[in-house]
Amino acid sequence: MFSIFKQKPAEFFSPEEKEKILAAIKTAEQKTSGEVRVFVESRCRFVDAMDRAVEIFYGLKMQQTDLRNAVLVYVALKDKQLALFADEGIYNRAGKDFWTAEVKLMLSQFNKENYAEGIAQVVVEVGEVLCTHFPYNAATDKNELPDDIVFGK
């Protein structure tokens, strides 16, 4: 794993905010075989947050899900950048308009400084679209990726 991916205390969020995001991840994944991860850091190393999200997505090996149905929610708080990166199995099924609307939703919450709420809302809505296209199957489903928040520098 890259050295930039470190688990450390959530200095970006209060314990309640962190729990809100973790609960959203669990809710999102309850009815789908899809996977959602959240990566938060202070600064984005690239001009385009999507480039950073792609780097993190592959660094976390999120492309290795069986159905290619993982989604990364990327946020660089101090730089006020964010991106959603969805693997090929879900990106086209949900459609570009869905992903654009989710980014706008997150931005609307971030503009009010409701960072945890914005992340949690988007995670739940991504879970709903994953459920539509990749419903949970008790016989075959497994949690392919950790449900924790990943914190960068």
C-alpha atoms as a PDB file:
ATOM      1  CA  MET A   1       0.000   0.000   0.000  1.00  0.00           C
ATOM      2  CA  PHE A   2       1.236   3.516  -0.683  1.00  0.00           C
ATOM      3  CA  SER A   3       2.797   5.329   2.234  1.00  0.00           C
ATOM      4  CA  ILE A   4       0.266   8.145   1.788  1.00  0.00           C
ATOM      5  CA  PHE A   5      -2.557   5.862   2.926  1.00  0.00           C
ATOM      6  CA  LYS A   6      -2.426   5.888   6.680  1.00  0.00           C
ATOM      7  CA  GLN A   7      -5.027   5.173   9.260  1.00  0.00           C
ATOM      8  CA  LYS A   8      -4.875   7.902  11.872  1.00  0.00           C
ATOM      9  CA  PRO A   9      -7.309   9.576  14.210  1.00  0.00           C
ATOM     10  CA  ALA A  10     -10.027  11.520  12.454  1.00  0.00           C
ATOM     11  CA  GLU A  11      -8.794  15.046  13.068  1.00  0.00           C
ATOM     12  CA  PHE A  12     -10.997  16.251  10.225  1.00  0.00           C
ATOM     13  CA  PHE A  13     -14.228  15.229  11.978  1.00  0.00           C
ATOM     14  CA  SER A  14     -15.669  15.022  15.447  1.00  0.00           C
ATOM     15  CA  PRO A  15     -16.422  11.503  16.722  1.00  0.00           C
ATOM     16  CA  GLU A  16     -20.115  12.068  15.946  1.00  0.00           C
ATOM     17  CA  GLU A  17     -19.363  13.189  12.389  1.00  0.00           C
ATOM     18  CA  LYS A  18     -17.065  10.228  11.828  1.00  0.00           C
ATOM     19  CA  GLU A  19     -19.783   7.885  13.109  1.00  0.00           C
ATOM     20  CA  LYS A  20     -22.310   9.513  10.755  1.00  0.00           C
ATOM     21  CA  ILE A  21     -20.055   8.773   7.760  1.00  0.00           C
ATOM     22  CA  LEU A  22     -19.311   5.209   8.908  1.00  0.00           C
ATOM     23  CA  ALA A  23     -23.035   4.563   9.426  1.00  0.00           C
ATOM     24  CA  ALA A  24     -23.719   5.878   5.907  1.00  0.00           C
ATOM     25  CA  ILE A  25     -21.140   3.460   4.469  1.00  0.00           C
ATOM     26  CA  LYS A  26     -22.743   0.533   6.299  1.00  0.00           C
ATOM     27  CA  THR A  27     -26.226   1.635   5.195  1.00  0.00           C
ATOM     28  CA  ALA A  28     -25.072   2.033   1.606  1.00  0.00           C
ATOM     29  CA  GLU A  29     -23.596  -1.452   1.491  1.00  0.00           C
ATOM     30  CA  GLN A  30     -26.431  -3.331   3.252  1.00  0.00           C
ATOM     31  CA  LYS A  31     -28.525  -3.883   0.130  1.00  0.00           C
ATOM     32  CA  THR A  32     -25.843  -4.151  -2.540  1.00  0.00           C
ATOM     33  CA  SER A  33     -22.832  -6.151  -3.565  1.00  0.00           C
ATOM     34  CA  GLY A  34     -21.201  -2.803  -4.431  1.00  0.00           C
ATOM     35  CA  GLU A  35     -18.535  -1.156  -2.332  1.00  0.00           C
ATOM     36  CA  VAL A  36     -18.140   2.458  -1.192  1.00  0.00           C
ATOM     37  CA  ARG A  37     -14.989   3.967   0.302  1.00  0.00           C
ATOM     38  CA  VAL A  38     -14.338   7.460   1.617  1.00  0.00           C
ATOM     39  CA  PHE A  39     -10.885   9.062   1.446  1.00  0.00           C
ATOM     40  CA  VAL A  40     -10.264  12.391   3.181  1.00  0.00           C
ATOM     41  CA  GLU A  41      -7.103  14.484   3.231  1.00  0.00           C
ATOM     42  CA  SER A  42      -6.138  18.117   3.709  1.00  0.00           C
ATOM     43  CA  ARG A  43      -4.629  18.932   0.363  1.00  0.00           C
ATOM     44  CA  CYS A  44      -4.972  17.583  -3.150  1.00  0.00           C
ATOM     45  CA  ARG A  45      -1.613  16.933  -4.791  1.00  0.00           C
ATOM     46  CA  PHE A  46      -3.049  17.525  -8.258  1.00  0.00           C
ATOM     47  CA  VAL A  47      -4.799  20.423  -9.945  1.00  0.00           C
ATOM     48  CA  ASP A  48      -7.709  18.136 -10.815  1.00  0.00           C
ATOM     49  CA  ALA A  49      -9.238  16.272  -7.875  1.00  0.00           C
ATOM     50  CA  MET A  50     -10.405  13.517 -10.248  1.00  0.00           C
ATOM     51  CA  ASP A  51      -6.768  12.684 -11.063  1.00  0.00           C
ATOM     52  CA  ARG A  52      -6.098  12.279  -7.348  1.00  0.00           C
ATOM     53  CA  ALA A  53      -9.249  10.196  -6.888  1.00  0.00           C
ATOM     54  CA  VAL A  54      -8.129   7.854  -9.678  1.00  0.00           C
ATOM     55  CA  GLU A  55      -4.694   7.483  -8.063  1.00  0.00           C
ATOM     56  CA  ILE A  56      -6.263   6.673  -4.692  1.00  0.00           C
ATOM     57  CA  PHE A  57      -8.857   4.310  -6.206  1.00  0.00           C
ATOM     58  CA  TYR A  58      -6.129   2.165  -7.756  1.00  0.00           C
ATOM     59  CA  GLY A  59      -3.819   2.576  -4.752  1.00  0.00           C
ATOM     60  CA  LEU A  60      -6.566   1.122  -2.545  1.00  0.00           C
ATOM     61  CA  LYS A  61      -7.057  -1.676  -5.113  1.00  0.00           C
ATOM     62  CA  MET A  62     -10.728  -0.815  -5.470  1.00  0.00           C
ATOM     63  CA  GLN A  63     -10.721  -2.061  -9.076  1.00  0.00           C
ATOM     64  CA  GLN A  64     -10.360  -5.600  -7.751  1.00  0.00           C
ATOM     65  CA  THR A  65     -14.015  -6.044  -6.805  1.00  0.00           C
ATOM     66  CA  ASP A  66     -15.545  -8.983  -8.668  1.00  0.00           C
ATOM     67  CA  LEU A  67     -18.228  -6.922 -10.408  1.00  0.00           C
ATOM     68  CA  ARG A  68     -16.141  -3.728 -10.806  1.00  0.00           C
ATOM     69  CA  ASN A  69     -18.767  -1.895  -8.749  1.00  0.00           C
ATOM     70  CA  ALA A  70     -16.728   0.141  -6.274  1.00  0.00           C
ATOM     71  CA  VAL A  71     -17.093   3.888  -5.739  1.00  0.00           C
ATOM     72  CA  LEU A  72     -14.619   6.256  -4.107  1.00  0.00           C
ATOM     73  CA  VAL A  73     -15.715   9.491  -2.449  1.00  0.00           C
ATOM     74  CA  TYR A  74     -12.633  11.731  -2.405  1.00  0.00           C
ATOM     75  CA  VAL A  75     -12.370  14.956  -0.394  1.00  0.00           C
ATOM     76  CA  ALA A  76      -9.460  17.372   0.132  1.00  0.00           C
ATOM     77  CA  LEU A  77     -10.884  19.632   2.838  1.00  0.00           C
ATOM     78  CA  LYS A  78      -8.378  22.494   3.007  1.00  0.00           C
ATOM     79  CA  ASP A  79      -8.135  22.710  -0.769  1.00  0.00           C
ATOM     80  CA  LYS A  80     -11.933  22.476  -1.034  1.00  0.00           C
ATOM     81  CA  GLN A  81     -11.763  19.824  -3.725  1.00  0.00           C
ATOM     82  CA  LEU A  82     -13.788  16.671  -4.154  1.00  0.00           C
ATOM     83  CA  ALA A  83     -14.470  13.941  -6.665  1.00  0.00           C
ATOM     84  CA  LEU A  84     -16.456  10.763  -7.087  1.00  0.00           C
ATOM     85  CA  PHE A  85     -14.746   7.968  -8.980  1.00  0.00           C
ATOM     86  CA  ALA A  86     -16.805   4.929  -9.914  1.00  0.00           C
ATOM     87  CA  ASP A  87     -15.481   1.734 -11.441  1.00  0.00           C
ATOM     88  CA  GLU A  88     -16.635   0.706 -14.907  1.00  0.00           C
ATOM     89  CA  GLY A  89     -19.285  -1.715 -13.643  1.00  0.00           C
ATOM     90  CA  ILE A  90     -21.371   1.060 -12.063  1.00  0.00           C
ATOM     91  CA  TYR A  91     -20.297   4.304 -13.747  1.00  0.00           C
ATOM     92  CA  ASN A  92     -22.133   3.802 -17.052  1.00  0.00           C
ATOM     93  CA  ARG A  93     -25.137   2.088 -15.488  1.00  0.00           C
ATOM     94  CA  ALA A  94     -25.790   5.062 -13.228  1.00  0.00           C
ATOM     95  CA  GLY A  95     -25.035   7.566 -15.973  1.00  0.00           C
ATOM     96  CA  LYS A  96     -23.059  10.788 -16.050  1.00  0.00           C
ATOM     97  CA  ASP A  97     -26.028  12.865 -14.850  1.00  0.00           C
ATOM     98  CA  PHE A  98     -26.233  10.854 -11.621  1.00  0.00           C
ATOM     99  CA  TRP A  99     -22.558  11.430 -10.796  1.00  0.00           C
ATOM    100  CA  THR A 100     -22.797  15.133 -11.648  1.00  0.00           C
ATOM    101  CA  ALA A 101     -25.849  15.521  -9.405  1.00  0.00           C
ATOM    102  CA  GLU A 102     -24.066  13.773  -6.523  1.00  0.00           C
ATOM    103  CA  VAL A 103     -21.089  16.111  -6.789  1.00  0.00           C
ATOM    104  CA  LYS A 104     -23.492  19.072  -6.751  1.00  0.00           C
ATOM    105  CA  LEU A 105     -25.210  17.660  -3.660  1.00  0.00           C
ATOM    106  CA  MET A 106     -21.911  17.306  -1.861  1.00  0.00           C
ATOM    107  CA  LEU A 107     -20.888  20.832  -2.893  1.00  0.00           C
ATOM    108  CA  SER A 108     -24.163  22.282  -1.614  1.00  0.00           C
ATOM    109  CA  GLN A 109     -23.489  20.791   1.829  1.00  0.00           C
ATOM    110  CA  PHE A 110     -19.809  21.745   1.769  1.00  0.00           C
ATOM    111  CA  ASN A 111     -20.742  25.352   0.978  1.00  0.00           C
ATOM    112  CA  LYS A 112     -22.609  25.352   4.303  1.00  0.00           C
ATOM    113  CA  GLU A 113     -19.568  23.705   5.975  1.00  0.00           C
ATOM    114  CA  ASN A 114     -21.599  20.525   6.524  1.00  0.00           C
ATOM    115  CA  TYR A 115     -18.784  18.251   5.377  1.00  0.00           C
ATOM    116  CA  ALA A 116     -19.767  15.065   7.183  1.00  0.00           C
ATOM    117  CA  GLU A 117     -23.419  15.521   6.212  1.00  0.00           C
ATOM    118  CA  GLY A 118     -22.501  16.043   2.557  1.00  0.00           C
ATOM    119  CA  ILE A 119     -20.315  12.945   2.492  1.00  0.00           C
ATOM    120  CA  ALA A 120     -22.921  10.851   4.318  1.00  0.00           C
ATOM    121  CA  GLN A 121     -25.761  11.928   1.999  1.00  0.00           C
ATOM    122  CA  VAL A 122     -23.773  11.105  -1.116  1.00  0.00           C
ATOM    123  CA  VAL A 123     -22.626   7.754   0.271  1.00  0.00           C
ATOM    124  CA  VAL A 124     -26.246   6.744   0.986  1.00  0.00           C
ATOM    125  CA  GLU A 125     -27.420   7.842  -2.469  1.00  0.00           C
ATOM    126  CA  VAL A 126     -24.529   6.009  -4.148  1.00  0.00           C
ATOM    127  CA  GLY A 127     -25.587   2.947  -2.135  1.00  0.00           C
ATOM    128  CA  GLU A 128     -29.116   3.269  -3.516  1.00  0.00           C
ATOM    129  CA  VAL A 129     -27.927   3.344  -7.124  1.00  0.00           C
ATOM    130  CA  LEU A 130     -25.586   0.433  -6.431  1.00  0.00           C
ATOM    131  CA  CYS A 131     -28.547  -1.491  -4.993  1.00  0.00           C
ATOM    132  CA  THR A 132     -30.547  -0.854  -8.163  1.00  0.00           C
ATOM    133  CA  HIS A 133     -27.842  -2.296 -10.403  1.00  0.00           C
ATOM    134  CA  PHE A 134     -26.056  -4.675  -8.022  1.00  0.00           C
ATOM    135  CA  PRO A 135     -28.590  -5.935  -5.449  1.00  0.00           C
ATOM    136  CA  TYR A 136     -27.445  -7.818  -2.378  1.00  0.00           C
ATOM    137  CA  ASN A 137     -27.395 -11.600  -2.731  1.00  0.00           C
ATOM    138  CA  ALA A 138     -26.958 -13.397   0.597  1.00  0.00           C
ATOM    139  CA  ALA A 139     -25.599 -16.498  -1.144  1.00  0.00           C
ATOM    140  CA  THR A 140     -22.781 -14.723  -2.970  1.00  0.00           C
ATOM    141  CA  ASP A 141     -22.149 -11.361  -1.312  1.00  0.00           C
ATOM    142  CA  LYS A 142     -18.970 -10.667   0.596  1.00  0.00           C
ATOM    143  CA  ASN A 143     -17.540  -7.432   1.894  1.00  0.00           C
ATOM    144  CA  GLU A 144     -14.678  -6.990  -0.553  1.00  0.00           C
ATOM    145  CA  LEU A 145     -13.290  -3.713   0.821  1.00  0.00           C
ATOM    146  CA  PRO A 146     -12.976  -2.262   4.331  1.00  0.00           C
ATOM    147  CA  ASP A 147     -15.752   0.073   5.456  1.00  0.00           C
ATOM    148  CA  ASP A 148     -13.521   2.513   7.316  1.00  0.00           C
ATOM    149  CA  ILE A 149     -12.739   6.097   6.355  1.00  0.00           C
ATOM    150  CA  VAL A 150      -9.225   6.406   4.950  1.00  0.00           C
ATOM    151  CA  PHE A 151      -7.355   9.515   6.019  1.00  0.00           C
ATOM    152  CA  GLY A 152      -4.447  10.938   4.046  1.00  0.00           C
ATOM    153  CA  LYS A 153      -2.098  13.705   5.030  1.00  0.00           C
END
